[in-house]
Amino acid sequence: MPVRFQVDPDFYDHPKTIGMSDAATALWVRAGSYSAAKLSDGFIAEHVLALLSRTPEEAADELVRRGLWKRCRGGFKFHQWSPRNLTRARVEADQERERERKRRDRAANAKKPERNRNPQASPGIVRAESDPTPDGIQAESDQSPSVSMSVSVSESVSKSSSTRRTAREDDDDQTQRIDQKITDLLQELTGRTVPPEWAARVRRQLLDGRDVDKPIAYITRALRERPRDYLPPSTPPAKPVPPLPPLGERDNTATNSRGRQLVEQALGRRAPAPDGEA
């Protein structure tokens, strides 16, 4: 299994990353790539930061404030590295299994007879000279297995299509159960009801790219640890505009005085100045 640093598809608008500076974003991505390459399980030594960022102190502090990193002895640690990325123990175990598989294959090949390991040593099937067929036409007895084979292949394809359709239906049911569980948990833990599309986004964030045996249990544990991290960003309510008073209750004295003055000027007569004006 190739070792990669996982970046969730909703990283760009996750509550922890909205408004994050470009320097902190670049440091987070580069540090994740570094940790995956070095198999450090999400640990970034403090002296390594200078290799990954031009402003390591400010960017690292921002990642800590946003909950993406934690300070630890000698450096920093990614938040929830192991649920989202391969650990050193997992990679080394996979490599050892692959080496063991290759050893078993080599040992099995060594025990096979030479003619089985060399495909040219096994002669092909040759028709006996006493059983010729005119113009190379195959006999009926030789043709019947082909008919049987095509029927078997058709049946196999039909069964395979039915199996795939059933698997898709099961996956859809599982997806609906997971999304409903996310909605119920966030309502229970935060008192907020999220729309279905947000529940689907949280599901993809937690499960995509991960081999999880029990997805509902995994999601339940993640949401109970930090439920508010998986809520959509809230917007402050709009400030209400005070209603205008009824027409008869408005103070229009100055407006009416100015209007009378303009009318008098238009008629060529000088109107008296309004109260309080020169």
Protein backbone atom coordinates (compact mmCIF):
# COMPACT_ATOMS: atom_id res chain seq x y z
CA MET A 1 0.00 0.00 0.00
CA PRO A 2 1.56 3.35 -1.00
CA VAL A 3 2.20 5.82 1.81
CA ARG A 4 0.39 9.12 1.22
CA PHE A 5 -0.70 12.09 3.29
CA GLN A 6 -4.50 12.31 3.24
CA VAL A 7 -6.18 15.67 2.63
CA ASP A 8 -9.96 15.57 3.08
CA PRO A 9 -12.06 16.90 0.16
CA ASP A 10 -13.77 19.44 2.43
CA PHE A 11 -10.49 20.78 3.86
CA TYR A 12 -11.03 24.04 1.96
CA ASP A 13 -14.19 24.94 3.93
CA HIS A 14 -13.78 22.99 7.17
CA PRO A 15 -14.63 25.11 10.25
CA LYS A 16 -11.01 24.86 11.41
CA THR A 17 -9.54 26.07 8.10
CA ILE A 18 -11.91 28.86 7.05
CA GLY A 19 -9.88 32.07 6.97
CA MET A 20 -6.59 30.28 7.65
CA SER A 21 -3.52 32.06 6.30
CA ASP A 22 -1.66 30.78 3.25
CA ALA A 23 1.49 30.29 5.34
CA ALA A 24 -0.28 28.02 7.84
CA THR A 25 -1.99 26.08 5.05
CA ALA A 26 1.30 25.52 3.23
CA LEU A 27 3.03 24.42 6.44
CA TRP A 28 0.24 21.96 7.28
CA VAL A 29 0.39 20.32 3.84
CA ARG A 30 4.19 20.20 3.64
CA ALA A 31 4.52 18.90 7.18
CA GLY A 32 1.95 16.17 6.45
CA SER A 33 3.90 15.10 3.37
CA TYR A 34 7.12 15.11 5.39
CA SER A 35 5.61 13.00 8.17
CA ALA A 36 4.21 10.45 5.70
CA ALA A 37 7.58 10.15 3.97
CA LYS A 38 9.53 9.80 7.23
CA LEU A 39 6.90 7.62 8.95
CA SER A 40 6.94 9.92 11.99
CA ASP A 41 3.24 9.30 12.81
CA GLY A 42 2.34 12.99 12.59
CA PHE A 43 5.24 14.26 14.73
CA ILE A 44 7.12 17.30 13.38
CA ALA A 45 10.32 18.17 15.21
CA GLU A 46 10.77 21.85 15.94
CA HIS A 47 14.04 22.10 14.00
CA VAL A 48 12.31 20.73 10.88
CA LEU A 49 9.91 23.69 10.65
CA ALA A 50 12.57 25.89 9.09
CA LEU A 51 12.76 23.46 6.16
CA LEU A 52 9.01 23.65 5.56
CA SER A 53 8.09 27.33 5.99
CA ARG A 54 9.55 30.82 5.72
CA THR A 55 7.55 31.91 8.79
CA PRO A 56 7.56 28.72 10.87
CA GLU A 57 6.83 30.24 14.27
CA GLU A 58 3.77 32.25 13.21
CA ALA A 59 2.37 29.47 11.02
CA ALA A 60 2.86 26.81 13.70
CA ASP A 61 1.20 28.99 16.34
CA GLU A 62 -1.79 29.47 14.06
CA LEU A 63 -2.13 25.73 13.48
CA VAL A 64 -2.07 25.16 17.25
CA ARG A 65 -4.73 27.86 17.83
CA ARG A 66 -6.97 26.28 15.21
CA GLY A 67 -6.69 22.81 16.75
CA LEU A 68 -4.91 21.24 13.77
CA TRP A 69 -1.66 20.74 15.71
CA LYS A 70 -0.75 20.12 19.33
CA ARG A 71 2.45 21.15 21.06
CA CYS A 72 4.49 18.29 22.44
CA ARG A 73 7.99 17.70 23.71
CA GLY A 74 10.47 18.61 21.00
CA GLY A 75 7.97 19.80 18.43
CA PHE A 76 4.39 19.44 17.28
CA LYS A 77 1.89 16.64 16.64
CA PHE A 78 -0.88 16.46 14.03
CA HIS A 79 -4.39 16.23 15.46
CA GLN A 80 -5.86 12.73 14.83
CA TRP A 81 -3.06 11.51 12.57
CA SER A 82 -3.65 7.76 12.96
CA PRO A 83 -7.37 7.65 12.05
CA ARG A 84 -6.65 9.48 8.77
CA ASN A 85 -3.16 8.28 7.75
CA LEU A 86 -1.03 5.17 7.79
CA THR A 87 1.13 4.69 10.87
CA ARG A 88 4.71 3.40 10.93
CA ALA A 89 3.54 0.13 12.52
CA ARG A 90 0.94 -0.42 9.79
CA VAL A 91 3.41 0.31 6.97
CA GLU A 92 6.09 -1.95 8.42
CA ALA A 93 3.56 -4.74 8.96
CA ASP A 94 2.36 -4.43 5.36
CA GLN A 95 5.94 -4.52 4.08
CA GLU A 96 6.72 -7.61 6.13
CA ARG A 97 3.58 -9.37 4.80
CA GLU A 98 4.63 -8.52 1.25
CA ARG A 99 8.12 -9.90 1.81
CA GLU A 100 6.67 -13.06 3.32
CA ARG A 101 4.33 -13.49 0.35
CA LYS A 102 7.24 -13.21 -2.07
CA ARG A 103 9.23 -15.76 -0.06
CA ARG A 104 6.32 -18.20 -0.20
CA ASP A 105 5.92 -17.68 -3.96
CA ARG A 106 9.61 -18.31 -4.59
CA ALA A 107 9.54 -21.43 -2.44
CA ALA A 108 6.44 -22.73 -4.22
CA ASN A 109 7.96 -22.11 -7.65
CA ALA A 110 11.13 -23.90 -6.65
CA LYS A 111 9.15 -27.05 -5.79
CA LYS A 112 7.31 -27.19 -9.13
CA PRO A 113 8.59 -29.58 -11.82
CA GLU A 114 10.70 -27.95 -14.51
CA ARG A 115 8.12 -28.60 -17.23
CA ASN A 116 5.42 -26.77 -15.25
CA ARG A 117 7.64 -23.74 -14.72
CA ASN A 118 8.66 -23.64 -18.41
CA PRO A 119 5.59 -23.11 -20.61
CA GLN A 120 7.52 -24.23 -23.72
CA ALA A 121 8.20 -27.65 -22.18
CA SER A 122 4.50 -28.65 -22.36
CA PRO A 123 3.59 -29.58 -25.95
CA GLY A 124 0.29 -28.39 -27.30
CA ILE A 125 -2.64 -30.67 -28.08
CA VAL A 126 -2.14 -32.23 -31.51
CA ARG A 127 -4.93 -34.01 -33.40
CA ALA A 128 -4.15 -37.61 -34.29
CA GLU A 129 -3.40 -38.28 -37.95
CA SER A 130 -6.15 -40.92 -38.04
CA ASP A 131 -8.80 -38.28 -37.18
CA PRO A 132 -8.49 -35.64 -39.88
CA THR A 133 -11.22 -33.13 -40.66
CA PRO A 134 -11.68 -31.63 -44.12
CA ASP A 135 -10.52 -28.04 -44.61
CA GLY A 136 -9.71 -27.69 -40.92
CA ILE A 137 -13.42 -27.77 -39.87
CA GLN A 138 -13.90 -28.80 -36.26
CA ALA A 139 -15.98 -31.91 -35.58
CA GLU A 140 -19.35 -31.65 -33.82
CA SER A 141 -18.02 -33.49 -30.78
CA ASP A 142 -15.35 -30.80 -30.44
CA GLN A 143 -17.80 -27.94 -30.88
CA SER A 144 -20.22 -28.84 -28.09
CA PRO A 145 -17.94 -27.74 -25.23
CA SER A 146 -17.80 -24.22 -26.72
CA VAL A 147 -21.60 -23.96 -26.66
CA SER A 148 -21.65 -25.14 -23.06
CA MET A 149 -18.96 -22.64 -22.18
CA SER A 150 -20.88 -19.69 -23.67
CA VAL A 151 -23.98 -20.65 -21.68
CA SER A 152 -21.92 -20.87 -18.52
CA VAL A 153 -20.34 -17.49 -19.20
CA SER A 154 -23.77 -15.88 -19.77
CA GLU A 155 -25.07 -17.31 -16.52
CA SER A 156 -21.94 -16.13 -14.71
CA VAL A 157 -22.28 -12.59 -16.08
CA SER A 158 -25.95 -12.49 -15.08
CA LYS A 159 -25.16 -13.62 -11.55
CA SER A 160 -22.29 -11.15 -11.31
CA SER A 161 -24.55 -8.25 -12.38
CA SER A 162 -27.16 -9.24 -9.82
CA THR A 163 -24.50 -9.45 -7.11
CA ARG A 164 -23.16 -5.99 -7.97
CA ARG A 165 -26.69 -4.52 -7.95
CA THR A 166 -27.38 -6.01 -4.52
CA ALA A 167 -24.06 -4.68 -3.24
CA ARG A 168 -24.91 -1.17 -4.46
CA GLU A 169 -28.30 -1.30 -2.74
CA ASP A 170 -26.64 -2.41 0.50
CA ASP A 171 -24.11 0.43 0.22
CA ASP A 172 -26.93 2.97 -0.29
CA ASP A 173 -28.75 1.69 2.80
CA GLN A 174 -25.54 1.85 4.84
CA THR A 175 -24.89 5.41 3.63
CA GLN A 176 -28.39 6.53 4.65
CA ARG A 177 -27.98 4.98 8.10
CA ILE A 178 -24.64 6.71 8.60
CA ASP A 179 -25.99 10.13 7.52
CA GLN A 180 -28.99 9.76 9.84
CA LYS A 181 -26.67 8.78 12.70
CA ILE A 182 -24.56 11.90 12.09
CA THR A 183 -27.69 14.11 12.13
CA ASP A 184 -28.98 12.49 15.34
CA LEU A 185 -25.62 12.73 17.13
CA LEU A 186 -25.06 16.39 16.28
CA GLN A 187 -28.60 17.19 17.42
CA GLU A 188 -28.00 15.32 20.69
CA LEU A 189 -24.54 16.78 21.40
CA THR A 190 -24.92 20.37 20.17
CA GLY A 191 -28.66 21.02 19.92
CA ARG A 192 -28.32 21.98 16.25
CA THR A 193 -29.97 20.21 13.33
CA VAL A 194 -27.80 19.94 10.22
CA PRO A 195 -29.21 19.48 6.69
CA PRO A 196 -28.73 16.14 4.88
CA GLU A 197 -26.06 17.53 2.57
CA TRP A 198 -23.96 18.59 5.57
CA ALA A 199 -24.32 15.14 7.16
CA ALA A 200 -23.09 13.63 3.88
CA ARG A 201 -20.13 16.02 3.92
CA VAL A 202 -19.18 14.95 7.45
CA ARG A 203 -19.46 11.29 6.40
CA ARG A 204 -17.08 11.83 3.48
CA GLN A 205 -14.68 13.77 5.68
CA LEU A 206 -14.46 10.95 8.22
CA LEU A 207 -14.62 7.86 5.99
CA ASP A 208 -13.33 8.60 2.49
CA GLY A 209 -9.89 7.10 1.92
CA ARG A 210 -9.97 5.06 5.13
CA ASP A 211 -10.43 1.32 5.67
CA VAL A 212 -12.91 1.30 8.57
CA ASP A 213 -14.47 -2.00 9.68
CA LYS A 214 -17.28 -0.41 11.74
CA PRO A 215 -18.03 3.02 10.23
CA ILE A 216 -20.92 3.94 12.54
CA ALA A 217 -18.90 3.22 15.68
CA TYR A 218 -15.94 5.12 14.25
CA ILE A 219 -18.07 8.17 13.40
CA THR A 220 -19.79 8.08 16.80
CA ARG A 221 -16.44 8.17 18.59
CA ALA A 222 -15.16 11.05 16.42
CA LEU A 223 -18.29 13.18 16.90
CA ARG A 224 -18.43 12.63 20.66
CA GLU A 225 -14.80 13.77 21.01
CA ARG A 226 -15.25 17.15 19.23
CA PRO A 227 -18.87 17.57 18.11
CA ARG A 228 -18.66 21.29 17.35
CA ASP A 229 -15.80 20.75 14.90
CA TYR A 230 -18.31 19.08 12.58
CA LEU A 231 -20.99 21.77 12.62
CA PRO A 232 -21.52 24.10 9.66
CA PRO A 233 -20.21 27.63 10.21
CA SER A 234 -22.86 29.79 11.84
CA THR A 235 -23.72 33.27 10.54
CA PRO A 236 -24.82 36.06 12.92
CA PRO A 237 -28.50 37.00 12.61
CA ALA A 238 -29.24 40.08 10.53
CA LYS A 239 -29.72 43.27 12.54
CA PRO A 240 -33.41 44.22 12.39
CA VAL A 241 -34.29 47.55 10.76
CA PRO A 242 -36.56 49.67 12.99
CA PRO A 243 -39.90 50.41 11.33
CA LEU A 244 -40.76 53.95 10.25
CA PRO A 245 -43.36 55.76 12.39
CA PRO A 246 -46.79 56.29 10.86
CA LEU A 247 -47.06 59.16 8.42
CA GLY A 248 -49.01 61.39 10.81
CA GLU A 249 -46.45 60.97 13.61
CA ARG A 250 -43.32 62.00 11.67
CA ASP A 251 -41.65 65.35 12.41
CA ASN A 252 -41.71 67.01 8.99
CA THR A 253 -41.46 70.65 10.19
CA ALA A 254 -38.07 71.37 8.64
CA THR A 255 -38.96 69.56 5.43
CA ASN A 256 -42.21 71.48 5.01
CA SER A 257 -40.51 74.83 5.77
CA ARG A 258 -37.82 74.18 3.17
CA GLY A 259 -40.47 73.21 0.63
CA ARG A 260 -42.43 76.42 1.18
CA GLN A 261 -39.26 78.47 0.75
CA LEU A 262 -38.44 76.80 -2.57
CA VAL A 263 -41.97 77.39 -3.82
CA GLU A 264 -41.82 81.08 -2.89
CA GLN A 265 -38.48 81.46 -4.62
CA ALA A 266 -39.87 79.83 -7.75
CA LEU A 267 -42.74 82.34 -7.76
CA GLY A 268 -40.27 85.24 -7.48
CA ARG A 269 -41.11 86.21 -3.93
CA ARG A 270 -38.76 86.01 -1.00
CA ALA A 271 -40.13 83.68 1.62
CA PRO A 272 -39.28 84.22 5.27
CA ALA A 273 -36.38 82.09 6.52
CA PRO A 274 -37.33 78.99 8.51
CA ASP A 275 -37.03 79.08 12.25
CA GLY A 276 -33.46 78.63 13.39
CA GLU A 277 -31.93 79.45 9.94
CA ALA A 278 -30.22 82.67 8.85
